[in-house]
N, C-alpha and C. Protein backbone atom coordinates (compact mmCIF):
# COMPACT_ATOMS: atom_id res chain seq x y z
N MET A 1 13.38 208.35 66.24
CA MET A 1 13.19 208.72 67.81
C MET A 1 13.96 208.03 68.94
N THR A 2 13.78 209.13 69.58
CA THR A 2 14.66 209.18 71.03
C THR A 2 13.33 207.61 71.33
N THR A 3 14.89 207.38 72.71
CA THR A 3 13.93 206.34 73.52
C THR A 3 12.72 207.22 74.47
N GLU A 4 13.64 207.81 75.26
CA GLU A 4 12.86 209.37 75.73
C GLU A 4 11.39 209.76 75.13
N THR A 5 11.16 209.93 73.90
CA THR A 5 10.13 210.06 73.08
C THR A 5 9.33 209.57 73.31
N ASN A 6 9.53 207.65 72.49
CA ASN A 6 8.86 206.39 72.76
C ASN A 6 8.61 206.08 74.99
N GLN A 7 9.56 206.58 75.58
CA GLN A 7 8.25 206.55 76.60
C GLN A 7 7.24 207.70 77.28
N SER A 8 7.86 209.05 76.69
CA SER A 8 6.61 209.45 76.58
C SER A 8 5.48 209.69 76.29
N GLU A 9 5.10 208.80 75.15
CA GLU A 9 4.27 208.86 74.12
C GLU A 9 3.66 207.22 75.04
N LEU A 10 4.61 206.82 75.28
CA LEU A 10 3.94 205.39 75.84
C LEU A 10 3.09 206.10 77.15
N GLU A 11 3.79 207.21 77.92
CA GLU A 11 3.00 206.98 78.75
C GLU A 11 1.62 207.99 79.07
N LYS A 12 2.36 208.78 77.75
CA LYS A 12 0.25 209.45 77.39
C LYS A 12 -0.46 208.76 77.29
N LEU A 13 -0.52 207.17 76.32
CA LEU A 13 -1.04 206.61 76.05
C LEU A 13 -1.88 205.49 77.08
N LEU A 14 -0.74 205.35 78.06
CA LEU A 14 -1.31 204.85 79.26
C LEU A 14 -2.45 205.86 79.79
N ALA A 15 -1.29 207.01 80.09
CA ALA A 15 -2.68 207.49 80.80
C ALA A 15 -4.00 208.15 80.44
N ASP A 16 -3.89 207.64 78.71
CA ASP A 16 -5.50 208.42 78.24
C ASP A 16 -5.82 207.14 77.98
N SER A 17 -5.86 205.37 78.57
CA SER A 17 -6.21 205.03 78.48
C SER A 17 -6.75 204.64 80.01
N LYS A 18 -6.43 204.26 80.99
CA LYS A 18 -7.14 204.63 82.03
C LYS A 18 -7.81 205.82 81.65
N GLN A 19 -8.15 206.75 81.91
CA GLN A 19 -8.71 208.01 82.17
C GLN A 19 -10.04 207.20 80.95
N ALA A 20 -10.01 206.37 79.78
CA ALA A 20 -10.99 206.30 79.44
C ALA A 20 -11.38 205.11 79.95
N LEU A 21 -11.14 204.37 80.77
CA LEU A 21 -11.92 203.28 81.36
C LEU A 21 -12.22 203.93 82.53
N LYS A 22 -11.68 205.16 83.32
CA LYS A 22 -13.02 205.70 84.79
C LYS A 22 -13.79 206.21 83.63
N ASP A 23 -13.52 206.97 82.94
CA ASP A 23 -15.32 207.30 81.86
C ASP A 23 -16.00 206.61 81.62
N TYR A 24 -15.63 205.19 80.87
CA TYR A 24 -17.51 204.83 80.60
C TYR A 24 -16.48 203.30 79.98
N CYS A 25 -17.37 202.42 79.98
CA CYS A 25 -16.83 200.56 80.05
C CYS A 25 -17.70 200.96 79.07
N GLU A 26 -16.94 199.55 77.63
CA GLU A 26 -18.21 199.35 76.43
C GLU A 26 -18.36 197.63 76.64
N TYR A 27 -19.49 198.04 75.97
CA TYR A 27 -19.48 196.26 75.65
C TYR A 27 -20.27 196.11 74.43
N LYS A 28 -20.32 195.20 73.76
CA LYS A 28 -21.04 194.45 72.67
C LYS A 28 -21.11 196.47 71.52
N GLY A 29 -20.55 197.47 71.38
CA GLY A 29 -20.57 198.31 71.17
C GLY A 29 -21.28 199.20 71.90
N VAL A 30 -21.62 199.13 72.98
CA VAL A 30 -22.68 199.87 73.90
C VAL A 30 -21.89 200.89 74.69
N GLN A 31 -21.39 201.49 75.38
CA GLN A 31 -20.71 202.65 76.20
C GLN A 31 -21.92 202.35 76.95
N TYR A 32 -21.15 202.23 78.03
CA TYR A 32 -22.55 202.45 79.75
C TYR A 32 -21.10 203.77 80.54
N PRO A 33 -21.28 204.99 80.36
CA PRO A 33 -20.84 205.53 81.42
C PRO A 33 -20.33 205.13 82.89
N MET A 34 -19.90 205.25 82.86
CA MET A 34 -19.79 205.04 84.46
C MET A 34 -19.86 206.31 86.11
N ASP A 35 -19.87 207.26 85.86
CA ASP A 35 -21.16 208.22 86.38
C ASP A 35 -22.55 207.66 86.25
N GLN A 36 -22.73 206.78 85.20
CA GLN A 36 -24.57 206.45 85.38
C GLN A 36 -24.22 205.08 85.69
N TRP A 37 -23.22 204.30 85.37
CA TRP A 37 -23.50 202.60 85.63
C TRP A 37 -22.96 201.72 86.80
N VAL A 38 -22.93 201.68 87.94
CA VAL A 38 -21.65 201.53 88.84
C VAL A 38 -21.76 199.97 89.26
N THR A 39 -20.92 199.33 89.42
CA THR A 39 -21.21 198.00 90.44
C THR A 39 -21.94 198.22 91.47
N ILE A 40 -22.36 196.63 91.77
CA ILE A 40 -23.68 196.55 92.83
C ILE A 40 -22.60 197.39 93.99
N SER A 41 -21.70 197.14 94.24
CA SER A 41 -20.97 197.32 95.75
C SER A 41 -20.95 199.66 95.44
N GLU A 42 -20.29 199.53 94.60
CA GLU A 42 -20.55 201.29 93.99
C GLU A 42 -22.07 201.26 94.19
N TYR A 43 -22.73 201.10 93.60
CA TYR A 43 -24.05 200.93 94.39
C TYR A 43 -25.15 201.60 95.39
N CYS A 44 -23.84 200.97 96.26
CA CYS A 44 -24.75 200.27 97.68
C CYS A 44 -24.21 201.54 98.37
N LYS A 45 -22.73 201.66 98.02
CA LYS A 45 -21.91 203.26 98.83
C LYS A 45 -23.36 204.73 98.75
N ARG A 46 -22.88 204.65 97.14
CA ARG A 46 -23.81 205.96 96.74
C ARG A 46 -24.82 205.71 97.41
N PHE A 47 -25.75 204.80 97.67
CA PHE A 47 -27.82 204.95 98.33
C PHE A 47 -28.12 204.40 99.57
N ASN A 48 -26.49 204.41 100.44
CA ASN A 48 -26.82 203.54 101.98
C ASN A 48 -27.41 202.15 101.98
N ILE A 49 -27.31 200.96 100.78
CA ILE A 49 -27.77 200.05 100.95
C ILE A 49 -26.92 199.35 101.59
N PRO A 50 -27.45 198.81 102.83
CA PRO A 50 -26.74 197.96 103.96
C PRO A 50 -25.33 197.14 103.26
N ASN A 51 -26.03 196.04 102.50
CA ASN A 51 -25.57 195.15 101.58
C ASN A 51 -25.80 194.78 100.68
N THR A 52 -24.47 194.57 98.88
CA THR A 52 -24.21 193.82 98.37
C THR A 52 -25.84 193.34 98.02
N GLN A 53 -26.09 191.86 99.12
CA GLN A 53 -27.33 190.65 98.72
C GLN A 53 -28.69 191.83 98.85
N THR A 54 -28.51 192.43 98.93
CA THR A 54 -29.59 193.33 98.91
C THR A 54 -30.05 193.77 97.58
N VAL A 55 -28.36 194.59 96.65
CA VAL A 55 -29.06 194.47 95.36
C VAL A 55 -28.73 192.88 94.65
N THR A 56 -28.32 192.60 95.16
CA THR A 56 -28.55 191.09 94.26
C THR A 56 -29.67 190.74 94.34
N ASN A 57 -30.04 190.85 95.18
CA ASN A 57 -31.77 189.76 95.37
C ASN A 57 -32.83 190.42 94.61
N TRP A 58 -32.87 192.10 94.76
CA TRP A 58 -33.82 192.88 93.52
C TRP A 58 -33.19 193.09 92.70
N ILE A 59 -32.17 192.51 91.71
CA ILE A 59 -31.97 192.11 90.51
C ILE A 59 -32.76 190.80 90.62
N GLN A 60 -32.64 189.63 90.78
CA GLN A 60 -33.30 188.41 90.64
C GLN A 60 -34.91 188.48 90.58
N ARG A 61 -35.41 189.17 91.57
CA ARG A 61 -36.52 189.35 91.63
C ARG A 61 -37.41 191.06 90.99
N GLY A 62 -36.56 191.12 90.47
CA GLY A 62 -37.44 192.00 88.95
C GLY A 62 -37.44 193.39 89.50
N ILE A 63 -36.98 194.07 90.66
CA ILE A 63 -36.93 195.49 91.05
C ILE A 63 -35.77 196.34 90.09
N ILE A 64 -34.41 195.89 90.42
CA ILE A 64 -34.12 196.84 89.09
C ILE A 64 -34.09 195.63 88.32
N PRO A 65 -35.02 196.95 87.02
CA PRO A 65 -34.57 195.49 85.93
C PRO A 65 -33.83 195.27 84.79
N LYS A 66 -33.94 194.35 84.60
CA LYS A 66 -33.43 193.57 83.12
C LYS A 66 -32.00 194.44 82.63
N GLU A 67 -33.08 195.00 81.95
CA GLU A 67 -32.47 196.72 80.99
C GLU A 67 -31.41 197.67 81.67
N ASN A 68 -31.43 197.50 83.32
CA ASN A 68 -30.65 198.08 83.60
C ASN A 68 -30.15 197.60 84.88
N VAL A 69 -29.35 196.62 84.05
CA VAL A 69 -28.41 195.71 84.37
C VAL A 69 -27.60 194.97 83.32
N VAL A 70 -26.72 195.21 83.73
CA VAL A 70 -25.54 194.23 82.46
C VAL A 70 -24.27 193.45 83.28
N THR A 71 -24.13 192.27 82.98
CA THR A 71 -23.37 191.25 83.14
C THR A 71 -21.86 191.61 81.23
N ILE A 72 -20.87 191.84 82.40
CA ILE A 72 -19.36 191.85 81.77
C ILE A 72 -18.47 190.91 81.53
N PRO A 73 -18.99 189.67 81.09
CA PRO A 73 -18.18 188.46 81.22
C PRO A 73 -16.84 188.95 81.35
N GLU A 74 -15.78 189.86 79.99
CA GLU A 74 -14.56 189.81 80.19
C GLU A 74 -13.73 190.59 81.97
N TYR A 75 -15.15 190.67 82.24
CA TYR A 75 -14.17 191.75 83.46
C TYR A 75 -14.66 190.75 84.96
N ASN A 76 -14.66 188.98 84.52
CA ASN A 76 -15.39 188.11 85.57
C ASN A 76 -16.22 188.58 86.02
N ASN A 77 -17.47 188.91 84.52
CA ASN A 77 -18.22 188.83 85.14
C ASN A 77 -19.48 189.62 85.80
N ILE A 78 -18.48 190.92 86.14
CA ILE A 78 -18.94 191.95 86.97
C ILE A 78 -20.79 192.66 86.47
N ARG A 79 -20.91 192.99 87.22
CA ARG A 79 -22.49 193.50 86.79
C ARG A 79 -22.47 194.95 86.84
N LEU A 80 -22.93 195.23 86.51
CA LEU A 80 -22.99 197.35 86.28
C LEU A 80 -24.92 196.86 86.52
N VAL A 81 -25.13 198.81 87.04
CA VAL A 81 -26.11 198.48 88.01
C VAL A 81 -26.70 200.46 87.26
N LYS A 82 -27.31 200.44 86.67
CA LYS A 82 -28.12 202.05 86.32
C LYS A 82 -27.81 202.36 88.07
N ALA A 83 -27.24 203.72 87.84
CA ALA A 83 -27.25 204.63 89.36
C ALA A 83 -28.42 205.32 89.00
N ILE A 84 -29.40 205.04 89.60
CA ILE A 84 -30.59 205.27 89.77
C ILE A 84 -31.51 204.82 91.26
N PRO A 85 -31.96 205.41 91.52
CA PRO A 85 -32.44 204.95 93.42
C PRO A 85 -33.92 203.62 92.14
N TYR A 86 -33.56 202.36 93.54
CA TYR A 86 -34.86 201.74 93.16
C TYR A 86 -35.22 201.43 95.01
N HIS A 87 -36.21 200.38 95.08
CA HIS A 87 -36.71 200.73 96.40
C HIS A 87 -37.56 198.87 95.99
N ASP A 88 -37.27 198.76 97.19
CA ASP A 88 -37.70 197.21 97.71
C ASP A 88 -38.85 197.85 98.45
N ASN A 89 -40.55 197.95 97.60
CA ASN A 89 -41.34 198.43 98.52
C ASN A 89 -42.53 196.43 97.75
N GLN A 90 -41.97 195.88 98.23
CA GLN A 90 -42.81 194.89 98.82
C GLN A 90 -42.41 194.88 99.93
N PRO A 91 -42.68 193.68 101.17
CA PRO A 91 -43.22 193.65 102.02
C PRO A 91 -41.91 192.68 102.08
N SER A 92 -41.45 192.19 103.48
CA SER A 92 -40.44 191.09 103.74
C SER A 92 -40.90 189.40 104.08
């Protein structure tokens, strides 16, 4: 095998790996598709929430159910939220 072939295979492997990370995140054998599970910051952007603290409070108060939140320690304890609209229907 030539150096050029090895480089080409490495580039393809890296490209495939990057695409896989964009497509889904896997944690404890469960795949979280990135079009359905987003970071808190991305959730705020998608649903026009003014700040991440609002979503964090929703998680703490149970407005966003526990089954719709996953914390991944290997990625600096990042939290993914199921990308569906939640509403804070409780008075402040």
